[in-house]
Amino acid sequence: MLKLVTIAAGIDMSKGFKDFFETIGMTGGGLVTKGIAAVIAIIAVRMLLQLSNDPKGALQKGMMAVGTLFVAVILALYGDTLFSTVTLAKS
């Protein structure tokens, strides 16, 4: 006799993207925050790739690029918390 095993329960995706992002645990604000962090990270990598041959200028631009990359990482990790405090503010 064949016994069927349900591997995963069905998920109702009738509301489209809203349901999809809820299943992966991300809200619309979280998605925007990750997108902003990704754009800032791409800008930082581009800054690193365009360093000059002048040692002093390269050091200054390199440190600025590393700082920008640090901001992108912090925004990606804690951006949801940072922006949720702003949007939930009471007047």
PDB file of N, CA and C in Angstrom:
ATOM      1  N   MET A   1       0.833  -1.165   0.000  1.00  0.00           N
ATOM      2  CA  MET A   1       0.000   0.000   0.000  1.00  0.00           C
ATOM      3  C   MET A   1       0.888   1.241   0.000  1.00  0.00           C
ATOM      4  N   LEU A   2       0.524   2.186  -0.832  1.00  0.00           N
ATOM      5  CA  LEU A   2       1.276   3.426  -0.982  1.00  0.00           C
ATOM      6  C   LEU A   2       0.774   4.460   0.015  1.00  0.00           C
ATOM      7  N   LYS A   3       1.707   5.040   0.784  1.00  0.00           N
ATOM      8  CA  LYS A   3       1.351   6.063   1.767  1.00  0.00           C
ATOM      9  C   LYS A   3       1.919   7.404   1.313  1.00  0.00           C
ATOM     10  N   LEU A   4       1.062   8.408   1.172  1.00  0.00           N
ATOM     11  CA  LEU A   4       1.494   9.724   0.724  1.00  0.00           C
ATOM     12  C   LEU A   4       1.889  10.580   1.921  1.00  0.00           C
ATOM     13  N   VAL A   5       2.989  11.283   1.773  1.00  0.00           N
ATOM     14  CA  VAL A   5       3.478  12.154   2.827  1.00  0.00           C
ATOM     15  C   VAL A   5       3.462  13.586   2.296  1.00  0.00           C
ATOM     16  N   THR A   6       2.871  14.489   3.052  1.00  0.00           N
ATOM     17  CA  THR A   6       2.863  15.896   2.670  1.00  0.00           C
ATOM     18  C   THR A   6       4.163  16.528   3.136  1.00  0.00           C
ATOM     19  N   ILE A   7       4.931  17.028   2.172  1.00  0.00           N
ATOM     20  CA  ILE A   7       6.223  17.637   2.501  1.00  0.00           C
ATOM     21  C   ILE A   7       6.020  19.068   2.980  1.00  0.00           C
ATOM     22  N   ALA A   8       5.198  19.833   2.291  1.00  0.00           N
ATOM     23  CA  ALA A   8       4.960  21.222   2.674  1.00  0.00           C
ATOM     24  C   ALA A   8       3.479  21.522   2.519  1.00  0.00           C
ATOM     25  N   ALA A   9       2.978  22.292   3.435  1.00  0.00           N
ATOM     26  CA  ALA A   9       1.578  22.688   3.353  1.00  0.00           C
ATOM     27  C   ALA A   9       1.417  23.746   2.266  1.00  0.00           C
ATOM     28  N   GLY A  10       0.257  23.793   1.668  1.00  0.00           N
ATOM     29  CA  GLY A  10      -0.008  24.787   0.642  1.00  0.00           C
ATOM     30  C   GLY A  10      -0.023  26.192   1.219  1.00  0.00           C
ATOM     31  N   ILE A  11       0.483  27.123   0.457  1.00  0.00           N
ATOM     32  CA  ILE A  11       0.533  28.519   0.886  1.00  0.00           C
ATOM     33  C   ILE A  11      -0.358  29.330  -0.044  1.00  0.00           C
ATOM     34  N   ASP A  12      -1.246  30.096   0.537  1.00  0.00           N
ATOM     35  CA  ASP A  12      -2.145  30.927  -0.245  1.00  0.00           C
ATOM     36  C   ASP A  12      -1.404  32.165  -0.731  1.00  0.00           C
ATOM     37  N   MET A  13      -1.220  32.264  -2.035  1.00  0.00           N
ATOM     38  CA  MET A  13      -0.531  33.414  -2.627  1.00  0.00           C
ATOM     39  C   MET A  13      -1.499  34.265  -3.435  1.00  0.00           C
ATOM     40  N   SER A  14      -2.742  34.342  -2.987  1.00  0.00           N
ATOM     41  CA  SER A  14      -3.754  35.063  -3.756  1.00  0.00           C
ATOM     42  C   SER A  14      -3.562  36.577  -3.715  1.00  0.00           C
ATOM     43  N   LYS A  15      -2.803  37.085  -2.755  1.00  0.00           N
ATOM     44  CA  LYS A  15      -2.569  38.530  -2.667  1.00  0.00           C
ATOM     45  C   LYS A  15      -1.283  38.950  -3.364  1.00  0.00           C
ATOM     46  N   GLY A  16      -0.645  38.041  -4.070  1.00  0.00           N
ATOM     47  CA  GLY A  16       0.515  38.385  -4.891  1.00  0.00           C
ATOM     48  C   GLY A  16       1.782  38.612  -4.099  1.00  0.00           C
ATOM     49  N   PHE A  17       2.464  39.728  -4.407  1.00  0.00           N
ATOM     50  CA  PHE A  17       3.768  40.008  -3.812  1.00  0.00           C
ATOM     51  C   PHE A  17       3.706  40.159  -2.298  1.00  0.00           C
ATOM     52  N   LYS A  18       2.616  40.675  -1.785  1.00  0.00           N
ATOM     53  CA  LYS A  18       2.487  40.849  -0.335  1.00  0.00           C
ATOM     54  C   LYS A  18       2.606  39.505   0.374  1.00  0.00           C
ATOM     55  N   ASP A  19       1.929  38.493  -0.150  1.00  0.00           N
ATOM     56  CA  ASP A  19       2.024  37.157   0.444  1.00  0.00           C
ATOM     57  C   ASP A  19       3.424  36.571   0.282  1.00  0.00           C
ATOM     58  N   PHE A  20       4.031  36.793  -0.883  1.00  0.00           N
ATOM     59  CA  PHE A  20       5.366  36.240  -1.119  1.00  0.00           C
ATOM     60  C   PHE A  20       6.371  36.819  -0.134  1.00  0.00           C
ATOM     61  N   PHE A  21       6.361  38.132   0.060  1.00  0.00           N
ATOM     62  CA  PHE A  21       7.327  38.753   0.956  1.00  0.00           C
ATOM     63  C   PHE A  21       7.058  38.389   2.407  1.00  0.00           C
ATOM     64  N   GLU A  22       5.803  38.124   2.759  1.00  0.00           N
ATOM     65  CA  GLU A  22       5.509  37.668   4.117  1.00  0.00           C
ATOM     66  C   GLU A  22       6.044  36.259   4.343  1.00  0.00           C
ATOM     67  N   THR A  23       6.040  35.413   3.317  1.00  0.00           N
ATOM     68  CA  THR A  23       6.559  34.051   3.495  1.00  0.00           C
ATOM     69  C   THR A  23       8.068  34.043   3.685  1.00  0.00           C
ATOM     70  N   ILE A  24       8.775  35.004   3.081  1.00  0.00           N
ATOM     71  CA  ILE A  24      10.230  35.054   3.280  1.00  0.00           C
ATOM     72  C   ILE A  24      10.605  35.977   4.426  1.00  0.00           C
ATOM     73  N   GLY A  25       9.605  36.547   5.087  1.00  0.00           N
ATOM     74  CA  GLY A  25       9.868  37.352   6.277  1.00  0.00           C
ATOM     75  C   GLY A  25      10.369  38.749   5.989  1.00  0.00           C
ATOM     76  N   MET A  26       9.966  39.323   4.883  1.00  0.00           N
ATOM     77  CA  MET A  26      10.431  40.669   4.552  1.00  0.00           C
ATOM     78  C   MET A  26       9.229  41.541   4.215  1.00  0.00           C
ATOM     79  N   THR A  27       9.229  42.726   4.766  1.00  0.00           N
ATOM     80  CA  THR A  27       8.158  43.674   4.482  1.00  0.00           C
ATOM     81  C   THR A  27       8.575  44.562   3.313  1.00  0.00           C
ATOM     82  N   GLY A  28       7.676  45.405   2.881  1.00  0.00           N
ATOM     83  CA  GLY A  28       8.008  46.344   1.809  1.00  0.00           C
ATOM     84  C   GLY A  28       9.103  47.305   2.222  1.00  0.00           C
ATOM     85  N   GLY A  29       9.035  47.780   3.466  1.00  0.00           N
ATOM     86  CA  GLY A  29      10.083  48.666   3.967  1.00  0.00           C
ATOM     87  C   GLY A  29      11.421  47.977   4.060  1.00  0.00           C
ATOM     88  N   GLY A  30      11.418  46.718   4.438  1.00  0.00           N
ATOM     89  CA  GLY A  30      12.663  45.956   4.508  1.00  0.00           C
ATOM     90  C   GLY A  30      13.281  45.744   3.142  1.00  0.00           C
ATOM     91  N   LEU A  31      12.420  45.531   2.160  1.00  0.00           N
ATOM     92  CA  LEU A  31      12.913  45.348   0.796  1.00  0.00           C
ATOM     93  C   LEU A  31      13.549  46.630   0.270  1.00  0.00           C
ATOM     94  N   VAL A  32      12.939  47.768   0.547  1.00  0.00           N
ATOM     95  CA  VAL A  32      13.496  49.055   0.128  1.00  0.00           C
ATOM     96  C   VAL A  32      14.825  49.301   0.834  1.00  0.00           C
ATOM     97  N   THR A  33      14.891  48.965   2.118  1.00  0.00           N
ATOM     98  CA  THR A  33      16.127  49.160   2.880  1.00  0.00           C
ATOM     99  C   THR A  33      17.262  48.323   2.302  1.00  0.00           C
ATOM    100  N   LYS A  34      16.981  47.069   1.966  1.00  0.00           N
ATOM    101  CA  LYS A  34      18.013  46.203   1.375  1.00  0.00           C
ATOM    102  C   LYS A  34      18.433  46.724   0.008  1.00  0.00           C
ATOM    103  N   GLY A  35      17.474  47.255  -0.748  1.00  0.00           N
ATOM    104  CA  GLY A  35      17.811  47.812  -2.056  1.00  0.00           C
ATOM    105  C   GLY A  35      18.703  49.033  -1.953  1.00  0.00           C
ATOM    106  N   ILE A  36      18.406  49.904  -0.999  1.00  0.00           N
ATOM    107  CA  ILE A  36      19.241  51.093  -0.789  1.00  0.00           C
ATOM    108  C   ILE A  36      20.646  50.677  -0.362  1.00  0.00           C
ATOM    109  N   ALA A  37      20.737  49.698   0.535  1.00  0.00           N
ATOM    110  CA  ALA A  37      22.056  49.221   0.978  1.00  0.00           C
ATOM    111  C   ALA A  37      22.835  48.609  -0.175  1.00  0.00           C
ATOM    112  N   ALA A  38      22.148  47.894  -1.069  1.00  0.00           N
ATOM    113  CA  ALA A  38      22.829  47.295  -2.224  1.00  0.00           C
ATOM    114  C   ALA A  38      23.372  48.368  -3.158  1.00  0.00           C
ATOM    115  N   VAL A  39      22.607  49.425  -3.387  1.00  0.00           N
ATOM    116  CA  VAL A  39      23.063  50.507  -4.256  1.00  0.00           C
ATOM    117  C   VAL A  39      24.264  51.214  -3.636  1.00  0.00           C
ATOM    118  N   ILE A  40      24.223  51.459  -2.333  1.00  0.00           N
ATOM    119  CA  ILE A  40      25.361  52.102  -1.662  1.00  0.00           C
ATOM    120  C   ILE A  40      26.598  51.206  -1.718  1.00  0.00           C
ATOM    121  N   ALA A  41      26.416  49.894  -1.579  1.00  0.00           N
ATOM    122  CA  ALA A  41      27.548  48.970  -1.661  1.00  0.00           C
ATOM    123  C   ALA A  41      28.156  48.971  -3.063  1.00  0.00           C
ATOM    124  N   ILE A  42      27.330  49.043  -4.087  1.00  0.00           N
ATOM    125  CA  ILE A  42      27.848  49.093  -5.461  1.00  0.00           C
ATOM    126  C   ILE A  42      28.633  50.382  -5.681  1.00  0.00           C
ATOM    127  N   ILE A  43      28.139  51.488  -5.145  1.00  0.00           N
ATOM    128  CA  ILE A  43      28.873  52.755  -5.255  1.00  0.00           C
ATOM    129  C   ILE A  43      30.216  52.660  -4.546  1.00  0.00           C
ATOM    130  N   ALA A  44      30.249  52.021  -3.368  1.00  0.00           N
ATOM    131  CA  ALA A  44      31.507  51.885  -2.624  1.00  0.00           C
ATOM    132  C   ALA A  44      32.515  51.023  -3.375  1.00  0.00           C
ATOM    133  N   VAL A  45      32.050  49.939  -3.975  1.00  0.00           N
ATOM    134  CA  VAL A  45      32.968  49.077  -4.748  1.00  0.00           C
ATOM    135  C   VAL A  45      33.491  49.834  -5.958  1.00  0.00           C
ATOM    136  N   ARG A  46      32.634  50.616  -6.600  1.00  0.00           N
ATOM    137  CA  ARG A  46      33.071  51.423  -7.739  1.00  0.00           C
ATOM    138  C   ARG A  46      34.122  52.441  -7.294  1.00  0.00           C
ATOM    139  N   MET A  47      33.931  53.023  -6.114  1.00  0.00           N
ATOM    140  CA  MET A  47      34.917  53.962  -5.586  1.00  0.00           C
ATOM    141  C   MET A  47      36.261  53.275  -5.350  1.00  0.00           C
ATOM    142  N   LEU A  48      36.214  52.041  -4.866  1.00  0.00           N
ATOM    143  CA  LEU A  48      37.458  51.303  -4.636  1.00  0.00           C
ATOM    144  C   LEU A  48      38.180  50.976  -5.939  1.00  0.00           C
ATOM    145  N   LEU A  49      37.419  50.705  -6.983  1.00  0.00           N
ATOM    146  CA  LEU A  49      38.037  50.346  -8.257  1.00  0.00           C
ATOM    147  C   LEU A  49      38.623  51.548  -8.989  1.00  0.00           C
ATOM    148  N   GLN A  50      38.253  52.757  -8.615  1.00  0.00           N
ATOM    149  CA  GLN A  50      38.732  53.952  -9.296  1.00  0.00           C
ATOM    150  C   GLN A  50      39.792  54.696  -8.481  1.00  0.00           C
ATOM    151  N   LEU A  51      40.626  53.987  -7.763  1.00  0.00           N
ATOM    152  CA  LEU A  51      41.669  54.641  -6.971  1.00  0.00           C
ATOM    153  C   LEU A  51      42.784  55.133  -7.891  1.00  0.00           C
ATOM    154  N   SER A  52      43.409  56.235  -7.515  1.00  0.00           N
ATOM    155  CA  SER A  52      44.454  56.826  -8.342  1.00  0.00           C
ATOM    156  C   SER A  52      45.826  56.250  -7.986  1.00  0.00           C
ATOM    157  N   ASN A  53      46.832  56.665  -8.746  1.00  0.00           N
ATOM    158  CA  ASN A  53      48.203  56.199  -8.501  1.00  0.00           C
ATOM    159  C   ASN A  53      48.896  56.998  -7.408  1.00  0.00           C
ATOM    160  N   ASP A  54      48.370  58.165  -7.080  1.00  0.00           N
ATOM    161  CA  ASP A  54      48.924  59.002  -6.015  1.00  0.00           C
ATOM    162  C   ASP A  54      48.646  58.329  -4.665  1.00  0.00           C
ATOM    163  N   PRO A  55      49.691  58.016  -3.885  1.00  0.00           N
ATOM    164  CA  PRO A  55      49.467  57.280  -2.630  1.00  0.00           C
ATOM    165  C   PRO A  55      48.573  58.015  -1.634  1.00  0.00           C
ATOM    166  N   LYS A  56      48.772  59.317  -1.479  1.00  0.00           N
ATOM    167  CA  LYS A  56      47.976  60.069  -0.518  1.00  0.00           C
ATOM    168  C   LYS A  56      46.511  60.144  -0.964  1.00  0.00           C
ATOM    169  N   GLY A  57      46.295  60.448  -2.231  1.00  0.00           N
ATOM    170  CA  GLY A  57      44.937  60.516  -2.761  1.00  0.00           C
ATOM    171  C   GLY A  57      44.256  59.160  -2.742  1.00  0.00           C
ATOM    172  N   ALA A  58      45.025  58.107  -3.045  1.00  0.00           N
ATOM    173  CA  ALA A  58      44.450  56.762  -3.033  1.00  0.00           C
ATOM    174  C   ALA A  58      44.049  56.352  -1.624  1.00  0.00           C
ATOM    175  N   LEU A  59      44.860  56.749  -0.633  1.00  0.00           N
ATOM    176  CA  LEU A  59      44.535  56.427   0.755  1.00  0.00           C
ATOM    177  C   LEU A  59      43.262  57.154   1.197  1.00  0.00           C
ATOM    178  N   GLN A  60      43.160  58.429   0.834  1.00  0.00           N
ATOM    179  CA  GLN A  60      41.959  59.183   1.203  1.00  0.00           C
ATOM    180  C   GLN A  60      40.711  58.616   0.532  1.00  0.00           C
ATOM    181  N   LYS A  61      40.795  58.362  -0.769  1.00  0.00           N
ATOM    182  CA  LYS A  61      39.641  57.820  -1.489  1.00  0.00           C
ATOM    183  C   LYS A  61      39.322  56.395  -1.030  1.00  0.00           C
ATOM    184  N   GLY A  62      40.350  55.627  -0.732  1.00  0.00           N
ATOM    185  CA  GLY A  62      40.135  54.258  -0.260  1.00  0.00           C
ATOM    186  C   GLY A  62      39.434  54.221   1.086  1.00  0.00           C
ATOM    187  N   MET A  63      39.842  55.094   1.988  1.00  0.00           N
ATOM    188  CA  MET A  63      39.195  55.138   3.297  1.00  0.00           C
ATOM    189  C   MET A  63      37.753  55.626   3.185  1.00  0.00           C
ATOM    190  N   MET A  64      37.500  56.556   2.257  1.00  0.00           N
ATOM    191  CA  MET A  64      36.129  57.005   2.036  1.00  0.00           C
ATOM    192  C   MET A  64      35.277  55.860   1.481  1.00  0.00           C
ATOM    193  N   ALA A  65      35.848  55.073   0.589  1.00  0.00           N
ATOM    194  CA  ALA A  65      35.122  53.934   0.019  1.00  0.00           C
ATOM    195  C   ALA A  65      34.855  52.873   1.080  1.00  0.00           C
ATOM    196  N   VAL A  66      35.821  52.623   1.951  1.00  0.00           N
ATOM    197  CA  VAL A  66      35.631  51.639   3.028  1.00  0.00           C
ATOM    198  C   VAL A  66      34.562  52.137   3.998  1.00  0.00           C
ATOM    199  N   GLY A  67      34.567  53.427   4.299  1.00  0.00           N
ATOM    200  CA  GLY A  67      33.527  53.990   5.161  1.00  0.00           C
ATOM    201  C   GLY A  67      32.149  53.874   4.536  1.00  0.00           C
ATOM    202  N   THR A  68      32.065  54.113   3.235  1.00  0.00           N
ATOM    203  CA  THR A  68      30.788  53.989   2.528  1.00  0.00           C
ATOM    204  C   THR A  68      30.314  52.536   2.541  1.00  0.00           C
ATOM    205  N   LEU A  69      31.230  51.607   2.350  1.00  0.00           N
ATOM    206  CA  LEU A  69      30.880  50.185   2.407  1.00  0.00           C
ATOM    207  C   LEU A  69      30.421  49.794   3.809  1.00  0.00           C
ATOM    208  N   PHE A  70      31.045  50.360   4.834  1.00  0.00           N
ATOM    209  CA  PHE A  70      30.626  50.109   6.215  1.00  0.00           C
ATOM    210  C   PHE A  70      29.198  50.595   6.448  1.00  0.00           C
ATOM    211  N   VAL A  71      28.880  51.779   5.932  1.00  0.00           N
ATOM    212  CA  VAL A  71      27.517  52.315   6.064  1.00  0.00           C
ATOM    213  C   VAL A  71      26.520  51.396   5.366  1.00  0.00           C
ATOM    214  N   ALA A  72      26.885  50.883   4.207  1.00  0.00           N
ATOM    215  CA  ALA A  72      25.994  49.972   3.476  1.00  0.00           C
ATOM    216  C   ALA A  72      25.755  48.691   4.259  1.00  0.00           C
ATOM    217  N   VAL A  73      26.783  48.153   4.884  1.00  0.00           N
ATOM    218  CA  VAL A  73      26.632  46.921   5.665  1.00  0.00           C
ATOM    219  C   VAL A  73      25.750  47.163   6.891  1.00  0.00           C
ATOM    220  N   ILE A  74      25.992  48.254   7.593  1.00  0.00           N
ATOM    221  CA  ILE A  74      25.165  48.577   8.764  1.00  0.00           C
ATOM    222  C   ILE A  74      23.714  48.800   8.354  1.00  0.00           C
ATOM    223  N   LEU A  75      23.495  49.471   7.243  1.00  0.00           N
ATOM    224  CA  LEU A  75      22.132  49.699   6.756  1.00  0.00           C
ATOM    225  C   LEU A  75      21.462  48.385   6.377  1.00  0.00           C
ATOM    226  N   ALA A  76      22.221  47.475   5.776  1.00  0.00           N
ATOM    227  CA  ALA A  76      21.639  46.182   5.410  1.00  0.00           C
ATOM    228  C   ALA A  76      21.288  45.356   6.644  1.00  0.00           C
ATOM    229  N   LEU A  77      22.109  45.450   7.683  1.00  0.00           N
ATOM    230  CA  LEU A  77      21.866  44.645   8.884  1.00  0.00           C
ATOM    231  C   LEU A  77      20.790  45.251   9.779  1.00  0.00           C
ATOM    232  N   TYR A  78      20.840  46.553  10.000  1.00  0.00           N
ATOM    233  CA  TYR A  78      19.966  47.183  10.985  1.00  0.00           C
ATOM    234  C   TYR A  78      19.010  48.214  10.400  1.00  0.00           C
ATOM    235  N   GLY A  79      18.891  48.289   9.085  1.00  0.00           N
ATOM    236  CA  GLY A  79      18.045  49.287   8.449  1.00  0.00           C
ATOM    237  C   GLY A  79      16.579  49.154   8.799  1.00  0.00           C
ATOM    238  N   ASP A  80      16.091  47.919   8.922  1.00  0.00           N
ATOM    239  CA  ASP A  80      14.677  47.718   9.282  1.00  0.00           C
ATOM    240  C   ASP A  80      14.376  48.349  10.631  1.00  0.00           C
ATOM    241  N   THR A  81      15.262  48.148  11.584  1.00  0.00           N
ATOM    242  CA  THR A  81      15.070  48.704  12.920  1.00  0.00           C
ATOM    243  C   THR A  81      15.174  50.223  12.904  1.00  0.00           C
ATOM    244  N   LEU A  82      16.145  50.743  12.165  1.00  0.00           N
ATOM    245  CA  LEU A  82      16.325  52.191  12.105  1.00  0.00           C
ATOM    246  C   LEU A  82      15.122  52.879  11.485  1.00  0.00           C
ATOM    247  N   PHE A  83      14.622  52.356  10.380  1.00  0.00           N
ATOM    248  CA  PHE A  83      13.506  52.996   9.698  1.00  0.00           C
ATOM    249  C   PHE A  83      12.186  52.737  10.392  1.00  0.00           C
ATOM    250  N   SER A  84      12.072  51.642  11.136  1.00  0.00           N
ATOM    251  CA  SER A  84      10.806  51.386  11.833  1.00  0.00           C
ATOM    252  C   SER A  84      10.612  52.374  12.981  1.00  0.00           C
ATOM    253  N   THR A  85      11.695  52.854  13.574  1.00  0.00           N
ATOM    254  CA  THR A  85      11.551  53.841  14.636  1.00  0.00           C
ATOM    255  C   THR A  85      11.075  55.176  14.086  1.00  0.00           C
ATOM    256  N   VAL A  86      11.425  55.469  12.842  1.00  0.00           N
ATOM    257  CA  VAL A  86      10.997  56.723  12.230  1.00  0.00           C
ATOM    258  C   VAL A  86       9.533  56.636  11.814  1.00  0.00           C
ATOM    259  N   THR A  87       9.128  55.514  11.226  1.00  0.00           N
ATOM    260  CA  THR A  87       7.759  55.418  10.702  1.00  0.00           C
ATOM    261  C   THR A  87       6.737  55.199  11.804  1.00  0.00           C
ATOM    262  N   LEU A  88       7.144  54.703  12.954  1.00  0.00           N
ATOM    263  CA  LEU A  88       6.209  54.471  14.053  1.00  0.00           C
ATOM    264  C   LEU A  88       6.163  55.630  15.047  1.00  0.00           C
ATOM    265  N   ALA A  89       6.797  56.742  14.702  1.00  0.00           N
ATOM    266  CA  ALA A  89       6.848  57.870  15.620  1.00  0.00           C
ATOM    267  C   ALA A  89       5.457  58.485  15.768  1.00  0.00           C
ATOM    268  N   LYS A  90       5.138  58.836  16.985  1.00  0.00           N
ATOM    269  CA  LYS A  90       3.850  59.467  17.290  1.00  0.00           C
ATOM    270  C   LYS A  90       4.059  60.970  17.429  1.00  0.00           C
ATOM    271  N   SER A  91       3.112  61.749  16.919  1.00  0.00           N
ATOM    272  CA  SER A  91       3.265  63.205  17.039  1.00  0.00           C
ATOM    273  C   SER A  91       2.459  63.757  18.192  1.00  0.00           C
TER     274      SER A  91
END
